[in-house]
């Protein structure tokens, strides 16, 4: 006999997922604060365009996870209720990458040329990795080094993130 999923089970798992999102967003803000102190001589701190662009991205970090295109899909995938049907995350993940340029898959697929926006998204990407490191007892650099075979960054971005890593 198939287990019937109750409303309270769904509410509890939804709250766990919301708690995770809240913790991650707070960790992103903490990472941005740390980066500001440790990278104080880098252009993205002293140049108003870069600084305020990054601050804006941090303020709205992962807000798409609350959208109809992602919320239930992510909750069911990462905080499932026993007995719930499994869920294909492909569309939700594609939506998330498209809506959040701090994911390298977003900004590396665009031909930026001399557009300075890549630097904003690259810094935000490092901030996101730092925030995940707080949760999983890791560092942004260790995360990158463990995953660099699948993270396809242009050489200028690799040099830039290593300059940041060197200050952390």
C-alpha atoms as a PDB file:
ATOM      1  CA  UNK A   1       0.000   0.000   0.000  1.00  0.00           C
ATOM      2  CA  UNK A   2       1.331   3.446  -0.983  1.00  0.00           C
ATOM      3  CA  UNK A   3       2.014   5.920   1.831  1.00  0.00           C
ATOM      4  CA  UNK A   4      -0.294   8.912   1.840  1.00  0.00           C
ATOM      5  CA  UNK A   5       1.470  12.257   2.230  1.00  0.00           C
ATOM      6  CA  UNK A   6      -0.074  14.590   4.791  1.00  0.00           C
ATOM      7  CA  UNK A   7      -0.355  18.365   4.722  1.00  0.00           C
ATOM      8  CA  UNK A   8       1.784  18.730   7.837  1.00  0.00           C
ATOM      9  CA  UNK A   9       4.563  16.653   6.319  1.00  0.00           C
ATOM     10  CA  UNK A  10       4.588  18.951   3.286  1.00  0.00           C
ATOM     11  CA  UNK A  11       4.467  22.069   5.487  1.00  0.00           C
ATOM     12  CA  UNK A  12       7.363  20.787   7.617  1.00  0.00           C
ATOM     13  CA  UNK A  13       9.540  20.027   4.583  1.00  0.00           C
ATOM     14  CA  UNK A  14       8.620  23.368   3.029  1.00  0.00           C
ATOM     15  CA  UNK A  15       9.710  25.118   6.227  1.00  0.00           C
ATOM     16  CA  UNK A  16      12.994  23.190   6.216  1.00  0.00           C
ATOM     17  CA  UNK A  17      13.599  24.348   2.659  1.00  0.00           C
ATOM     18  CA  UNK A  18      12.741  27.964   3.536  1.00  0.00           C
ATOM     19  CA  UNK A  19      15.099  27.746   6.515  1.00  0.00           C
ATOM     20  CA  UNK A  20      17.845  26.517   4.182  1.00  0.00           C
ATOM     21  CA  UNK A  21      17.227  29.411   1.763  1.00  0.00           C
ATOM     22  CA  UNK A  22      17.284  31.915   4.641  1.00  0.00           C
ATOM     23  CA  UNK A  23      20.533  30.499   6.039  1.00  0.00           C
ATOM     24  CA  UNK A  24      22.155  30.569   2.596  1.00  0.00           C
ATOM     25  CA  UNK A  25      21.097  34.159   1.918  1.00  0.00           C
ATOM     26  CA  UNK A  26      22.458  35.210   5.320  1.00  0.00           C
ATOM     27  CA  UNK A  27      25.704  33.375   4.542  1.00  0.00           C
ATOM     28  CA  UNK A  28      25.922  35.172   1.186  1.00  0.00           C
ATOM     29  CA  UNK A  29      25.631  38.509   2.986  1.00  0.00           C
ATOM     30  CA  UNK A  30      28.274  37.397   5.500  1.00  0.00           C
ATOM     31  CA  UNK A  31      30.596  36.348   2.649  1.00  0.00           C
ATOM     32  CA  UNK A  32      30.123  39.702   0.907  1.00  0.00           C
ATOM     33  CA  UNK A  33      31.085  41.448   4.156  1.00  0.00           C
ATOM     34  CA  UNK A  34      34.189  39.267   4.480  1.00  0.00           C
ATOM     35  CA  UNK A  35      35.158  39.865   0.860  1.00  0.00           C
ATOM     36  CA  UNK A  36      34.799  43.632   1.294  1.00  0.00           C
ATOM     37  CA  UNK A  37      37.318  43.572   4.161  1.00  0.00           C
ATOM     38  CA  UNK A  38      39.824  41.208   2.609  1.00  0.00           C
ATOM     39  CA  UNK A  39      39.690  42.603  -0.923  1.00  0.00           C
ATOM     40  CA  UNK A  40      39.514  46.288   0.005  1.00  0.00           C
ATOM     41  CA  UNK A  41      42.145  47.299  -2.557  1.00  0.00           C
ATOM     42  CA  UNK A  42      40.498  45.513  -5.478  1.00  0.00           C
ATOM     43  CA  UNK A  43      38.535  47.522  -8.023  1.00  0.00           C
ATOM     44  CA  UNK A  44      35.191  45.879  -7.276  1.00  0.00           C
ATOM     45  CA  UNK A  45      35.311  47.404  -3.792  1.00  0.00           C
ATOM     46  CA  UNK A  46      36.446  50.958  -4.538  1.00  0.00           C
ATOM     47  CA  UNK A  47      34.684  51.436  -7.898  1.00  0.00           C
ATOM     48  CA  UNK A  48      31.051  52.452  -7.292  1.00  0.00           C
ATOM     49  CA  UNK A  49      29.723  50.682 -10.407  1.00  0.00           C
ATOM     50  CA  UNK A  50      31.136  47.319  -9.392  1.00  0.00           C
ATOM     51  CA  UNK A  51      30.493  47.713  -5.679  1.00  0.00           C
ATOM     52  CA  UNK A  52      26.834  48.684  -5.971  1.00  0.00           C
ATOM     53  CA  UNK A  53      26.179  46.166  -8.761  1.00  0.00           C
ATOM     54  CA  UNK A  54      27.508  43.351  -6.559  1.00  0.00           C
ATOM     55  CA  UNK A  55      25.625  44.681  -3.530  1.00  0.00           C
ATOM     56  CA  UNK A  56      22.393  44.660  -5.552  1.00  0.00           C
ATOM     57  CA  UNK A  57      22.996  41.080  -6.675  1.00  0.00           C
ATOM     58  CA  UNK A  58      23.710  40.044  -3.076  1.00  0.00           C
ATOM     59  CA  UNK A  59      20.494  41.726  -1.899  1.00  0.00           C
ATOM     60  CA  UNK A  60      18.470  39.606  -4.335  1.00  0.00           C
ATOM     61  CA  UNK A  61      20.623  36.473  -4.236  1.00  0.00           C
ATOM     62  CA  UNK A  62      18.723  33.357  -5.425  1.00  0.00           C
ATOM     63  CA  UNK A  63      15.355  35.104  -5.254  1.00  0.00           C
ATOM     64  CA  UNK A  64      14.256  32.914  -8.166  1.00  0.00           C
ATOM     65  CA  UNK A  65      14.215  29.949  -5.752  1.00  0.00           C
ATOM     66  CA  UNK A  66      10.947  31.450  -4.486  1.00  0.00           C
ATOM     67  CA  UNK A  67       9.420  31.544  -7.986  1.00  0.00           C
ATOM     68  CA  UNK A  68       6.801  29.192  -9.331  1.00  0.00           C
ATOM     69  CA  UNK A  69       9.401  27.840 -11.754  1.00  0.00           C
ATOM     70  CA  UNK A  70      11.682  26.681  -8.942  1.00  0.00           C
ATOM     71  CA  UNK A  71      10.185  26.646  -5.458  1.00  0.00           C
ATOM     72  CA  UNK A  72       8.135  23.449  -5.395  1.00  0.00           C
ATOM     73  CA  UNK A  73      10.555  21.693  -7.722  1.00  0.00           C
ATOM     74  CA  UNK A  74      13.553  22.435  -5.501  1.00  0.00           C
ATOM     75  CA  UNK A  75      11.637  21.632  -2.332  1.00  0.00           C
ATOM     76  CA  UNK A  76      10.503  18.274  -3.693  1.00  0.00           C
ATOM     77  CA  UNK A  77      13.991  17.443  -4.924  1.00  0.00           C
ATOM     78  CA  UNK A  78      16.021  18.509  -1.883  1.00  0.00           C
ATOM     79  CA  UNK A  79      13.434  18.257   0.916  1.00  0.00           C
ATOM     80  CA  UNK A  80      11.130  15.446  -0.221  1.00  0.00           C
ATOM     81  CA  UNK A  81       8.347  14.000   1.861  1.00  0.00           C
ATOM     82  CA  UNK A  82       8.550  10.214   2.120  1.00  0.00           C
ATOM     83  CA  UNK A  83       6.010   8.867  -0.353  1.00  0.00           C
ATOM     84  CA  UNK A  84       6.043  11.897  -2.637  1.00  0.00           C
ATOM     85  CA  UNK A  85       6.708  11.235  -6.315  1.00  0.00           C
ATOM     86  CA  UNK A  86      10.210  12.127  -7.497  1.00  0.00           C
ATOM     87  CA  UNK A  87      10.687  15.247  -9.538  1.00  0.00           C
ATOM     88  CA  UNK A  88      12.773  16.086 -12.611  1.00  0.00           C
ATOM     89  CA  UNK A  89      14.824  19.180 -11.799  1.00  0.00           C
ATOM     90  CA  UNK A  90      16.023  19.906 -15.339  1.00  0.00           C
ATOM     91  CA  UNK A  91      13.637  22.783 -16.091  1.00  0.00           C
ATOM     92  CA  UNK A  92      13.948  24.314 -12.618  1.00  0.00           C
ATOM     93  CA  UNK A  93      17.767  24.176 -12.773  1.00  0.00           C
ATOM     94  CA  UNK A  94      17.828  25.697 -16.271  1.00  0.00           C
ATOM     95  CA  UNK A  95      15.531  28.470 -15.056  1.00  0.00           C
ATOM     96  CA  UNK A  96      17.725  29.048 -11.998  1.00  0.00           C
ATOM     97  CA  UNK A  97      20.924  29.364 -14.047  1.00  0.00           C
ATOM     98  CA  UNK A  98      19.232  31.700 -16.529  1.00  0.00           C
ATOM     99  CA  UNK A  99      17.867  33.965 -13.788  1.00  0.00           C
ATOM    100  CA  UNK A 100      21.026  34.033 -11.660  1.00  0.00           C
ATOM    101  CA  UNK A 101      24.118  35.263 -13.500  1.00  0.00           C
ATOM    102  CA  UNK A 102      26.382  34.392 -10.568  1.00  0.00           C
ATOM    103  CA  UNK A 103      26.243  30.828 -11.909  1.00  0.00           C
ATOM    104  CA  UNK A 104      29.168  30.453 -14.281  1.00  0.00           C
ATOM    105  CA  UNK A 105      26.975  28.605 -16.777  1.00  0.00           C
ATOM    106  CA  UNK A 106      25.070  31.863 -17.275  1.00  0.00           C
ATOM    107  CA  UNK A 107      27.747  34.483 -17.766  1.00  0.00           C
ATOM    108  CA  UNK A 108      30.365  32.327 -19.517  1.00  0.00           C
ATOM    109  CA  UNK A 109      27.955  31.445 -22.336  1.00  0.00           C
ATOM    110  CA  UNK A 110      27.504  35.107 -23.249  1.00  0.00           C
ATOM    111  CA  UNK A 111      30.151  36.786 -25.382  1.00  0.00           C
ATOM    112  CA  UNK A 112      30.917  39.691 -23.066  1.00  0.00           C
ATOM    113  CA  UNK A 113      33.799  41.233 -24.938  1.00  0.00           C
ATOM    114  CA  UNK A 114      34.751  44.371 -23.042  1.00  0.00           C
ATOM    115  CA  UNK A 115      31.531  44.400 -21.007  1.00  0.00           C
ATOM    116  CA  UNK A 116      32.511  44.787 -17.334  1.00  0.00           C
ATOM    117  CA  UNK A 117      29.472  42.851 -16.107  1.00  0.00           C
ATOM    118  CA  UNK A 118      31.366  39.538 -16.099  1.00  0.00           C
ATOM    119  CA  UNK A 119      33.460  40.784 -13.161  1.00  0.00           C
ATOM    120  CA  UNK A 120      30.342  41.537 -11.086  1.00  0.00           C
ATOM    121  CA  UNK A 121      28.975  38.051 -11.690  1.00  0.00           C
ATOM    122  CA  UNK A 122      32.359  36.439 -11.111  1.00  0.00           C
ATOM    123  CA  UNK A 123      32.696  38.118  -7.700  1.00  0.00           C
ATOM    124  CA  UNK A 124      29.146  37.093  -6.832  1.00  0.00           C
ATOM    125  CA  UNK A 125      29.988  33.521  -7.876  1.00  0.00           C
ATOM    126  CA  UNK A 126      32.920  33.487  -5.428  1.00  0.00           C
ATOM    127  CA  UNK A 127      30.656  34.936  -2.719  1.00  0.00           C
ATOM    128  CA  UNK A 128      28.170  32.117  -3.351  1.00  0.00           C
ATOM    129  CA  UNK A 129      30.950  29.527  -3.069  1.00  0.00           C
ATOM    130  CA  UNK A 130      32.134  31.134   0.183  1.00  0.00           C
ATOM    131  CA  UNK A 131      28.581  30.981   1.551  1.00  0.00           C
ATOM    132  CA  UNK A 132      28.311  27.305   0.666  1.00  0.00           C
ATOM    133  CA  UNK A 133      31.674  26.773   2.337  1.00  0.00           C
ATOM    134  CA  UNK A 134      30.338  28.187   5.613  1.00  0.00           C
ATOM    135  CA  UNK A 135      27.590  25.568   5.490  1.00  0.00           C
ATOM    136  CA  UNK A 136      29.717  22.625   4.395  1.00  0.00           C
ATOM    137  CA  UNK A 137      33.015  23.459   6.137  1.00  0.00           C
ATOM    138  CA  UNK A 138      34.885  24.228   2.946  1.00  0.00           C
ATOM    139  CA  UNK A 139      36.382  27.229   1.177  1.00  0.00           C
ATOM    140  CA  UNK A 140      35.581  28.822  -2.164  1.00  0.00           C
ATOM    141  CA  UNK A 141      39.021  27.873  -3.460  1.00  0.00           C
ATOM    142  CA  UNK A 142      38.725  24.245  -2.379  1.00  0.00           C
ATOM    143  CA  UNK A 143      35.286  24.062  -3.998  1.00  0.00           C
ATOM    144  CA  UNK A 144      36.651  25.458  -7.246  1.00  0.00           C
ATOM    145  CA  UNK A 145      39.683  23.180  -7.250  1.00  0.00           C
ATOM    146  CA  UNK A 146      37.533  20.091  -6.609  1.00  0.00           C
ATOM    147  CA  UNK A 147      35.191  21.056  -9.454  1.00  0.00           C
ATOM    148  CA  UNK A 148      37.339  22.953 -11.944  1.00  0.00           C
ATOM    149  CA  UNK A 149      37.180  20.197 -14.529  1.00  0.00           C
ATOM    150  CA  UNK A 150      33.473  20.869 -14.963  1.00  0.00           C
ATOM    151  CA  UNK A 151      33.529  24.626 -14.234  1.00  0.00           C
ATOM    152  CA  UNK A 152      34.350  26.148 -17.612  1.00  0.00           C
ATOM    153  CA  UNK A 153      35.785  29.582 -16.874  1.00  0.00           C
ATOM    154  CA  UNK A 154      37.746  31.712 -19.309  1.00  0.00           C
ATOM    155  CA  UNK A 155      41.385  32.189 -18.351  1.00  0.00           C
ATOM    156  CA  UNK A 156      40.885  35.847 -17.391  1.00  0.00           C
ATOM    157  CA  UNK A 157      38.190  34.760 -14.881  1.00  0.00           C
ATOM    158  CA  UNK A 158      40.411  32.023 -13.447  1.00  0.00           C
ATOM    159  CA  UNK A 159      43.188  34.562 -12.890  1.00  0.00           C
ATOM    160  CA  UNK A 160      40.696  36.941 -11.297  1.00  0.00           C
ATOM    161  CA  UNK A 161      39.229  34.390  -8.861  1.00  0.00           C
ATOM    162  CA  UNK A 162      42.714  33.264  -7.839  1.00  0.00           C
ATOM    163  CA  UNK A 163      43.551  36.892  -7.078  1.00  0.00           C
ATOM    164  CA  UNK A 164      40.488  36.903  -4.785  1.00  0.00           C
ATOM    165  CA  UNK A 165      41.390  33.500  -3.284  1.00  0.00           C
ATOM    166  CA  UNK A 166      44.844  34.847  -2.474  1.00  0.00           C
ATOM    167  CA  UNK A 167      43.287  37.497  -0.240  1.00  0.00           C
ATOM    168  CA  UNK A 168      40.851  35.206   1.582  1.00  0.00           C
END
